[in-house]
């Protein structure tokens, strides 16, 4: 083999080696799934217990000012953050507020928007379904509850090359995370409510969040007031919400 051929072969081997190295860097690492099979009878017991607990969950707008340990809020946020999400980008930021002054600012801004909504923006189709729930522009829960947790959706992410790129399924991911947060709050014996003032741009301004974050939900967290009330309404039955094809 000539020197030129040897040099060409060596160059080919080096290029191939670099390609293999890059491929290895791009491949994700996997670990065994941590999973233990549960007996069928126990599965039914666990499922019934979980449903029984969740069936007692109610949304209330009447909160006690009784303090809530910050650790409980942290655990609820961590629980929500276990949610499945698009490309594992975890496109959420949870902002937890206990400062009374900041909660008052949020309430003032929210009520200003809500008054416009109830008086000018709300179509009849929307107001007719809200009427049985007794909602209005007064949002006392924003100052009564010891904590407010605002869930922001991250619409973009900084890529490793320093260029902004999109997140994927951020709305769906944050929606699932919010549901798991709500379940965690209920499981620990507290109450919350999903408040969506519209528009919500004021939350980014008050909480000084970056432009690529968009507020999705405001969730006060705390104990119910002693005289807390909820609407006398019923959930749909299984035959109204599910279709089984076997």
C-alpha atoms as a PDB file:
ATOM      1  CA  UNK A   1       0.000   0.000   0.000  1.00  0.00           C
ATOM      2  CA  UNK A   2       1.375   3.400  -0.993  1.00  0.00           C
ATOM      3  CA  UNK A   3       1.919   6.203   1.512  1.00  0.00           C
ATOM      4  CA  UNK A   4      -0.931   8.150  -0.077  1.00  0.00           C
ATOM      5  CA  UNK A   5      -3.248   5.179   0.364  1.00  0.00           C
ATOM      6  CA  UNK A   6      -2.155   4.763   3.974  1.00  0.00           C
ATOM      7  CA  UNK A   7      -2.778   8.435   4.634  1.00  0.00           C
ATOM      8  CA  UNK A   8      -6.234   8.205   3.064  1.00  0.00           C
ATOM      9  CA  UNK A   9      -7.102   5.122   5.081  1.00  0.00           C
ATOM     10  CA  UNK A  10      -5.895   6.781   8.297  1.00  0.00           C
ATOM     11  CA  UNK A  11      -7.955   9.871   7.523  1.00  0.00           C
ATOM     12  CA  UNK A  12     -11.043   7.707   6.932  1.00  0.00           C
ATOM     13  CA  UNK A  13     -10.542   5.896  10.259  1.00  0.00           C
ATOM     14  CA  UNK A  14     -10.150   9.161  12.162  1.00  0.00           C
ATOM     15  CA  UNK A  15     -13.302  10.621  10.606  1.00  0.00           C
ATOM     16  CA  UNK A  16     -15.244   7.481  11.428  1.00  0.00           C
ATOM     17  CA  UNK A  17     -13.981   7.600  15.012  1.00  0.00           C
ATOM     18  CA  UNK A  18     -15.131  11.216  15.384  1.00  0.00           C
ATOM     19  CA  UNK A  19     -18.555  10.278  13.998  1.00  0.00           C
ATOM     20  CA  UNK A  20     -18.887   7.461  16.524  1.00  0.00           C
ATOM     21  CA  UNK A  21     -17.881   9.781  19.336  1.00  0.00           C
ATOM     22  CA  UNK A  22     -20.493  12.360  18.285  1.00  0.00           C
ATOM     23  CA  UNK A  23     -23.148   9.648  17.992  1.00  0.00           C
ATOM     24  CA  UNK A  24     -22.344   8.433  21.500  1.00  0.00           C
ATOM     25  CA  UNK A  25     -22.683  11.999  22.798  1.00  0.00           C
ATOM     26  CA  UNK A  26     -26.063  12.411  21.107  1.00  0.00           C
ATOM     27  CA  UNK A  27     -27.485   9.126  22.405  1.00  0.00           C
ATOM     28  CA  UNK A  28     -29.367   9.487  25.705  1.00  0.00           C
ATOM     29  CA  UNK A  29     -28.408   7.303  28.618  1.00  0.00           C
ATOM     30  CA  UNK A  30     -31.033   4.874  29.870  1.00  0.00           C
ATOM     31  CA  UNK A  31     -31.462   3.224  33.244  1.00  0.00           C
ATOM     32  CA  UNK A  32     -33.728   0.361  34.299  1.00  0.00           C
ATOM     33  CA  UNK A  33     -37.308   1.311  35.118  1.00  0.00           C
ATOM     34  CA  UNK A  34     -37.929   1.231  38.873  1.00  0.00           C
ATOM     35  CA  UNK A  35     -41.197  -0.683  39.005  1.00  0.00           C
ATOM     36  CA  UNK A  36     -42.675  -3.422  41.169  1.00  0.00           C
ATOM     37  CA  UNK A  37     -45.787  -5.274  40.116  1.00  0.00           C
ATOM     38  CA  UNK A  38     -48.802  -4.828  42.384  1.00  0.00           C
ATOM     39  CA  UNK A  39     -51.272  -7.628  43.005  1.00  0.00           C
ATOM     40  CA  UNK A  40     -54.549  -7.199  41.132  1.00  0.00           C
ATOM     41  CA  UNK A  41     -56.653  -7.021  44.292  1.00  0.00           C
ATOM     42  CA  UNK A  42     -54.337  -4.384  45.757  1.00  0.00           C
ATOM     43  CA  UNK A  43     -54.505  -2.369  42.528  1.00  0.00           C
ATOM     44  CA  UNK A  44     -58.280  -2.129  42.790  1.00  0.00           C
ATOM     45  CA  UNK A  45     -57.986  -1.146  46.444  1.00  0.00           C
ATOM     46  CA  UNK A  46     -55.482   1.590  45.632  1.00  0.00           C
ATOM     47  CA  UNK A  47     -57.553   2.852  42.700  1.00  0.00           C
ATOM     48  CA  UNK A  48     -60.737   2.995  44.772  1.00  0.00           C
ATOM     49  CA  UNK A  49     -58.917   4.743  47.612  1.00  0.00           C
ATOM     50  CA  UNK A  50     -57.445   7.336  45.244  1.00  0.00           C
ATOM     51  CA  UNK A  51     -60.815   7.980  43.618  1.00  0.00           C
ATOM     52  CA  UNK A  52     -62.547   8.234  46.993  1.00  0.00           C
ATOM     53  CA  UNK A  53     -60.039  10.860  48.091  1.00  0.00           C
ATOM     54  CA  UNK A  54     -60.240  12.854  44.858  1.00  0.00           C
ATOM     55  CA  UNK A  55     -64.034  12.731  44.823  1.00  0.00           C
ATOM     56  CA  UNK A  56     -63.975  14.856  47.990  1.00  0.00           C
ATOM     57  CA  UNK A  57     -61.949  17.594  46.303  1.00  0.00           C
ATOM     58  CA  UNK A  58     -63.839  20.850  45.868  1.00  0.00           C
ATOM     59  CA  UNK A  59     -62.885  24.269  44.619  1.00  0.00           C
ATOM     60  CA  UNK A  60     -63.656  27.053  47.079  1.00  0.00           C
ATOM     61  CA  UNK A  61     -63.164  30.796  46.980  1.00  0.00           C
ATOM     62  CA  UNK A  62     -63.342  31.113  50.752  1.00  0.00           C
ATOM     63  CA  UNK A  63     -59.925  30.837  52.367  1.00  0.00           C
ATOM     64  CA  UNK A  64     -58.679  31.136  55.922  1.00  0.00           C
ATOM     65  CA  UNK A  65     -55.684  33.357  56.577  1.00  0.00           C
ATOM     66  CA  UNK A  66     -54.179  30.575  58.724  1.00  0.00           C
ATOM     67  CA  UNK A  67     -50.504  30.159  57.837  1.00  0.00           C
ATOM     68  CA  UNK A  68     -49.264  27.235  55.759  1.00  0.00           C
ATOM     69  CA  UNK A  69     -45.745  25.847  56.105  1.00  0.00           C
ATOM     70  CA  UNK A  70     -43.588  26.766  53.104  1.00  0.00           C
ATOM     71  CA  UNK A  71     -42.426  23.132  52.970  1.00  0.00           C
ATOM     72  CA  UNK A  72     -45.945  22.034  51.983  1.00  0.00           C
ATOM     73  CA  UNK A  73     -45.975  24.465  49.069  1.00  0.00           C
ATOM     74  CA  UNK A  74     -42.529  23.275  48.006  1.00  0.00           C
ATOM     75  CA  UNK A  75     -43.699  19.656  48.021  1.00  0.00           C
ATOM     76  CA  UNK A  76     -46.806  20.504  46.014  1.00  0.00           C
ATOM     77  CA  UNK A  77     -44.637  22.235  43.405  1.00  0.00           C
ATOM     78  CA  UNK A  78     -42.227  19.307  43.284  1.00  0.00           C
ATOM     79  CA  UNK A  79     -45.195  16.948  42.879  1.00  0.00           C
ATOM     80  CA  UNK A  80     -46.559  19.015  40.001  1.00  0.00           C
ATOM     81  CA  UNK A  81     -43.120  19.037  38.409  1.00  0.00           C
ATOM     82  CA  UNK A  82     -43.136  15.233  38.113  1.00  0.00           C
ATOM     83  CA  UNK A  83     -45.649  15.626  35.268  1.00  0.00           C
ATOM     84  CA  UNK A  84     -44.844  14.159  31.861  1.00  0.00           C
ATOM     85  CA  UNK A  85     -43.911  16.914  29.430  1.00  0.00           C
ATOM     86  CA  UNK A  86     -42.884  17.529  25.853  1.00  0.00           C
ATOM     87  CA  UNK A  87     -39.268  16.464  25.154  1.00  0.00           C
ATOM     88  CA  UNK A  88     -38.596  16.608  28.908  1.00  0.00           C
ATOM     89  CA  UNK A  89     -38.142  20.372  28.658  1.00  0.00           C
ATOM     90  CA  UNK A  90     -40.166  20.915  31.845  1.00  0.00           C
ATOM     91  CA  UNK A  91     -41.490  24.228  30.484  1.00  0.00           C
ATOM     92  CA  UNK A  92     -42.840  25.673  33.713  1.00  0.00           C
ATOM     93  CA  UNK A  93     -41.963  28.209  36.368  1.00  0.00           C
ATOM     94  CA  UNK A  94     -43.885  28.229  39.649  1.00  0.00           C
ATOM     95  CA  UNK A  95     -43.889  31.563  41.477  1.00  0.00           C
ATOM     96  CA  UNK A  96     -45.059  31.182  45.111  1.00  0.00           C
ATOM     97  CA  UNK A  97     -46.026  34.391  46.910  1.00  0.00           C
ATOM     98  CA  UNK A  98     -46.704  34.888  50.617  1.00  0.00           C
ATOM     99  CA  UNK A  99     -45.929  38.630  50.776  1.00  0.00           C
ATOM    100  CA  UNK A 100     -49.154  40.441  51.688  1.00  0.00           C
ATOM    101  CA  UNK A 101     -48.150  43.576  49.791  1.00  0.00           C
ATOM    102  CA  UNK A 102     -47.443  41.610  46.623  1.00  0.00           C
ATOM    103  CA  UNK A 103     -50.666  39.626  46.956  1.00  0.00           C
ATOM    104  CA  UNK A 104     -52.562  42.926  47.300  1.00  0.00           C
ATOM    105  CA  UNK A 105     -50.940  44.246  44.111  1.00  0.00           C
ATOM    106  CA  UNK A 106     -51.982  41.087  42.295  1.00  0.00           C
ATOM    107  CA  UNK A 107     -55.528  41.312  43.644  1.00  0.00           C
ATOM    108  CA  UNK A 108     -55.896  44.972  42.679  1.00  0.00           C
ATOM    109  CA  UNK A 109     -54.692  44.285  39.127  1.00  0.00           C
ATOM    110  CA  UNK A 110     -56.767  41.109  38.796  1.00  0.00           C
ATOM    111  CA  UNK A 111     -59.953  42.805  39.973  1.00  0.00           C
ATOM    112  CA  UNK A 112     -59.415  45.690  37.547  1.00  0.00           C
ATOM    113  CA  UNK A 113     -59.254  43.188  34.665  1.00  0.00           C
ATOM    114  CA  UNK A 114     -62.137  41.129  36.035  1.00  0.00           C
ATOM    115  CA  UNK A 115     -64.411  44.179  36.250  1.00  0.00           C
ATOM    116  CA  UNK A 116     -63.789  44.869  32.577  1.00  0.00           C
ATOM    117  CA  UNK A 117     -64.450  41.220  31.774  1.00  0.00           C
ATOM    118  CA  UNK A 118     -67.726  41.005  33.682  1.00  0.00           C
ATOM    119  CA  UNK A 119     -68.962  44.420  32.497  1.00  0.00           C
ATOM    120  CA  UNK A 120     -67.682  44.589  28.916  1.00  0.00           C
ATOM    121  CA  UNK A 121     -65.917  41.501  27.565  1.00  0.00           C
ATOM    122  CA  UNK A 122     -67.890  38.471  28.725  1.00  0.00           C
ATOM    123  CA  UNK A 123     -70.219  36.930  26.115  1.00  0.00           C
ATOM    124  CA  UNK A 124     -73.624  35.607  27.143  1.00  0.00           C
ATOM    125  CA  UNK A 125     -72.556  32.023  26.499  1.00  0.00           C
ATOM    126  CA  UNK A 126     -69.850  32.397  29.154  1.00  0.00           C
ATOM    127  CA  UNK A 127     -71.865  34.346  31.736  1.00  0.00           C
ATOM    128  CA  UNK A 128     -74.724  31.828  31.642  1.00  0.00           C
ATOM    129  CA  UNK A 129     -72.469  28.950  32.757  1.00  0.00           C
ATOM    130  CA  UNK A 130     -70.773  31.075  35.432  1.00  0.00           C
ATOM    131  CA  UNK A 131     -74.051  32.210  36.982  1.00  0.00           C
ATOM    132  CA  UNK A 132     -74.657  28.970  38.984  1.00  0.00           C
ATOM    133  CA  UNK A 133     -71.118  29.226  40.410  1.00  0.00           C
ATOM    134  CA  UNK A 134     -71.646  32.669  41.939  1.00  0.00           C
ATOM    135  CA  UNK A 135     -68.417  34.193  40.627  1.00  0.00           C
ATOM    136  CA  UNK A 136     -67.858  37.931  40.297  1.00  0.00           C
ATOM    137  CA  UNK A 137     -65.053  40.486  39.991  1.00  0.00           C
ATOM    138  CA  UNK A 138     -64.220  40.437  43.719  1.00  0.00           C
ATOM    139  CA  UNK A 139     -61.227  38.152  44.291  1.00  0.00           C
ATOM    140  CA  UNK A 140     -60.770  38.097  48.067  1.00  0.00           C
ATOM    141  CA  UNK A 141     -59.044  34.718  47.867  1.00  0.00           C
ATOM    142  CA  UNK A 142     -55.976  36.441  46.440  1.00  0.00           C
ATOM    143  CA  UNK A 143     -55.318  38.204  49.745  1.00  0.00           C
ATOM    144  CA  UNK A 144     -57.047  35.818  52.181  1.00  0.00           C
ATOM    145  CA  UNK A 145     -55.037  32.703  51.278  1.00  0.00           C
ATOM    146  CA  UNK A 146     -51.561  32.540  52.854  1.00  0.00           C
ATOM    147  CA  UNK A 147     -49.974  31.549  49.539  1.00  0.00           C
ATOM    148  CA  UNK A 148     -50.599  32.280  45.880  1.00  0.00           C
ATOM    149  CA  UNK A 149     -48.855  30.071  43.341  1.00  0.00           C
ATOM    150  CA  UNK A 150     -48.697  31.409  39.785  1.00  0.00           C
ATOM    151  CA  UNK A 151     -47.862  28.876  37.090  1.00  0.00           C
ATOM    152  CA  UNK A 152     -45.971  30.338  34.129  1.00  0.00           C
ATOM    153  CA  UNK A 153     -45.591  28.539  30.814  1.00  0.00           C
ATOM    154  CA  UNK A 154     -42.168  28.849  29.179  1.00  0.00           C
ATOM    155  CA  UNK A 155     -42.787  29.483  25.477  1.00  0.00           C
ATOM    156  CA  UNK A 156     -39.096  29.411  24.531  1.00  0.00           C
ATOM    157  CA  UNK A 157     -35.846  27.927  25.795  1.00  0.00           C
ATOM    158  CA  UNK A 158     -32.202  28.822  25.424  1.00  0.00           C
ATOM    159  CA  UNK A 159     -30.477  26.182  23.286  1.00  0.00           C
ATOM    160  CA  UNK A 160     -26.927  24.998  23.931  1.00  0.00           C
ATOM    161  CA  UNK A 161     -25.751  27.066  20.930  1.00  0.00           C
ATOM    162  CA  UNK A 162     -26.965  30.252  22.633  1.00  0.00           C
ATOM    163  CA  UNK A 163     -29.942  30.703  20.302  1.00  0.00           C
ATOM    164  CA  UNK A 164     -33.552  30.804  21.499  1.00  0.00           C
ATOM    165  CA  UNK A 165     -35.658  27.848  20.399  1.00  0.00           C
ATOM    166  CA  UNK A 166     -39.273  26.804  20.943  1.00  0.00           C
ATOM    167  CA  UNK A 167     -40.595  24.543  23.645  1.00  0.00           C
ATOM    168  CA  UNK A 168     -42.968  21.776  22.593  1.00  0.00           C
ATOM    169  CA  UNK A 169     -46.437  21.011  23.981  1.00  0.00           C
ATOM    170  CA  UNK A 170     -45.842  23.584  26.714  1.00  0.00           C
ATOM    171  CA  UNK A 171     -49.553  24.254  27.262  1.00  0.00           C
ATOM    172  CA  UNK A 172     -50.380  20.564  27.559  1.00  0.00           C
ATOM    173  CA  UNK A 173     -47.365  19.921  29.801  1.00  0.00           C
ATOM    174  CA  UNK A 174     -48.239  22.765  32.175  1.00  0.00           C
ATOM    175  CA  UNK A 175     -51.866  21.666  32.239  1.00  0.00           C
ATOM    176  CA  UNK A 176     -50.861  18.190  33.404  1.00  0.00           C
ATOM    177  CA  UNK A 177     -48.448  19.688  35.947  1.00  0.00           C
ATOM    178  CA  UNK A 178     -51.209  21.915  37.321  1.00  0.00           C
ATOM    179  CA  UNK A 179     -53.485  18.907  37.781  1.00  0.00           C
ATOM    180  CA  UNK A 180     -50.817  17.019  39.698  1.00  0.00           C
ATOM    181  CA  UNK A 181     -50.155  20.115  41.831  1.00  0.00           C
ATOM    182  CA  UNK A 182     -53.871  20.349  42.646  1.00  0.00           C
ATOM    183  CA  UNK A 183     -53.993  16.682  43.627  1.00  0.00           C
ATOM    184  CA  UNK A 184     -50.944  17.113  45.870  1.00  0.00           C
ATOM    185  CA  UNK A 185     -52.558  20.111  47.602  1.00  0.00           C
ATOM    186  CA  UNK A 186     -55.752  18.135  48.180  1.00  0.00           C
ATOM    187  CA  UNK A 187     -53.884  15.051  49.397  1.00  0.00           C
ATOM    188  CA  UNK A 188     -52.127  17.077  52.108  1.00  0.00           C
ATOM    189  CA  UNK A 189     -55.427  18.438  53.417  1.00  0.00           C
ATOM    190  CA  UNK A 190     -55.401  21.930  51.914  1.00  0.00           C
ATOM    191  CA  UNK A 191     -57.556  23.599  49.279  1.00  0.00           C
ATOM    192  CA  UNK A 192     -56.874  25.549  46.117  1.00  0.00           C
ATOM    193  CA  UNK A 193     -58.687  27.062  43.181  1.00  0.00           C
ATOM    194  CA  UNK A 194     -57.745  27.679  39.554  1.00  0.00           C
ATOM    195  CA  UNK A 195     -58.073  31.393  38.862  1.00  0.00           C
ATOM    196  CA  UNK A 196     -57.538  32.667  35.319  1.00  0.00           C
ATOM    197  CA  UNK A 197     -57.870  36.451  35.178  1.00  0.00           C
ATOM    198  CA  UNK A 198     -57.947  37.553  31.564  1.00  0.00           C
ATOM    199  CA  UNK A 199     -55.754  39.015  30.258  1.00  0.00           C
ATOM    200  CA  UNK A 200     -52.927  37.934  32.566  1.00  0.00           C
ATOM    201  CA  UNK A 201     -50.032  40.038  31.301  1.00  0.00           C
ATOM    202  CA  UNK A 202     -50.003  42.052  34.533  1.00  0.00           C
ATOM    203  CA  UNK A 203     -48.689  38.989  36.392  1.00  0.00           C
ATOM    204  CA  UNK A 204     -45.489  38.953  34.355  1.00  0.00           C
ATOM    205  CA  UNK A 205     -44.991  42.630  35.084  1.00  0.00           C
ATOM    206  CA  UNK A 206     -45.713  42.485  38.820  1.00  0.00           C
ATOM    207  CA  UNK A 207     -43.634  39.327  39.346  1.00  0.00           C
ATOM    208  CA  UNK A 208     -40.840  40.528  37.019  1.00  0.00           C
ATOM    209  CA  UNK A 209     -40.806  37.398  34.873  1.00  0.00           C
ATOM    210  CA  UNK A 210     -39.012  37.312  31.494  1.00  0.00           C
ATOM    211  CA  UNK A 211     -40.794  37.873  28.199  1.00  0.00           C
ATOM    212  CA  UNK A 212     -40.693  34.184  27.184  1.00  0.00           C
ATOM    213  CA  UNK A 213     -42.843  33.209  30.196  1.00  0.00           C
ATOM    214  CA  UNK A 214     -46.633  33.459  30.056  1.00  0.00           C
ATOM    215  CA  UNK A 215     -48.917  33.177  33.091  1.00  0.00           C
ATOM    216  CA  UNK A 216     -51.368  30.266  32.846  1.00  0.00           C
ATOM    217  CA  UNK A 217     -52.956  29.882  36.276  1.00  0.00           C
ATOM    218  CA  UNK A 218     -53.187  31.637  39.627  1.00  0.00           C
ATOM    219  CA  UNK A 219     -53.730  29.126  42.439  1.00  0.00           C
ATOM    220  CA  UNK A 220     -54.238  30.311  46.017  1.00  0.00           C
ATOM    221  CA  UNK A 221     -53.286  27.611  48.536  1.00  0.00           C
ATOM    222  CA  UNK A 222     -54.420  27.353  52.124  1.00  0.00           C
ATOM    223  CA  UNK A 223     -57.033  26.142  54.571  1.00  0.00           C
ATOM    224  CA  UNK A 224     -60.728  26.705  53.863  1.00  0.00           C
ATOM    225  CA  UNK A 225     -62.448  29.401  55.897  1.00  0.00           C
ATOM    226  CA  UNK A 226     -64.644  28.093  58.723  1.00  0.00           C
ATOM    227  CA  UNK A 227     -67.716  29.300  56.820  1.00  0.00           C
ATOM    228  CA  UNK A 228     -66.447  28.196  53.391  1.00  0.00           C
ATOM    229  CA  UNK A 229     -69.167  27.386  50.894  1.00  0.00           C
ATOM    230  CA  UNK A 230     -69.196  25.591  47.532  1.00  0.00           C
ATOM    231  CA  UNK A 231     -71.856  25.406  44.804  1.00  0.00           C
ATOM    232  CA  UNK A 232     -74.355  22.552  45.073  1.00  0.00           C
ATOM    233  CA  UNK A 233     -73.349  20.882  41.820  1.00  0.00           C
ATOM    234  CA  UNK A 234     -72.606  17.309  40.746  1.00  0.00           C
ATOM    235  CA  UNK A 235     -69.908  15.749  38.594  1.00  0.00           C
ATOM    236  CA  UNK A 236     -70.803  13.835  35.464  1.00  0.00           C
ATOM    237  CA  UNK A 237     -71.005  10.071  35.723  1.00  0.00           C
ATOM    238  CA  UNK A 238     -68.652   7.636  33.987  1.00  0.00           C
ATOM    239  CA  UNK A 239     -71.147   6.983  31.173  1.00  0.00           C
ATOM    240  CA  UNK A 240     -71.182  10.719  30.397  1.00  0.00           C
ATOM    241  CA  UNK A 241     -67.413  11.212  30.183  1.00  0.00           C
ATOM    242  CA  UNK A 242     -65.988   7.949  28.849  1.00  0.00           C
ATOM    243  CA  UNK A 243     -66.372   5.646  25.844  1.00  0.00           C
ATOM    244  CA  UNK A 244     -64.946   2.120  26.014  1.00  0.00           C
ATOM    245  CA  UNK A 245     -64.208   0.226  22.806  1.00  0.00           C
ATOM    246  CA  UNK A 246     -63.397  -3.440  23.445  1.00  0.00           C
END
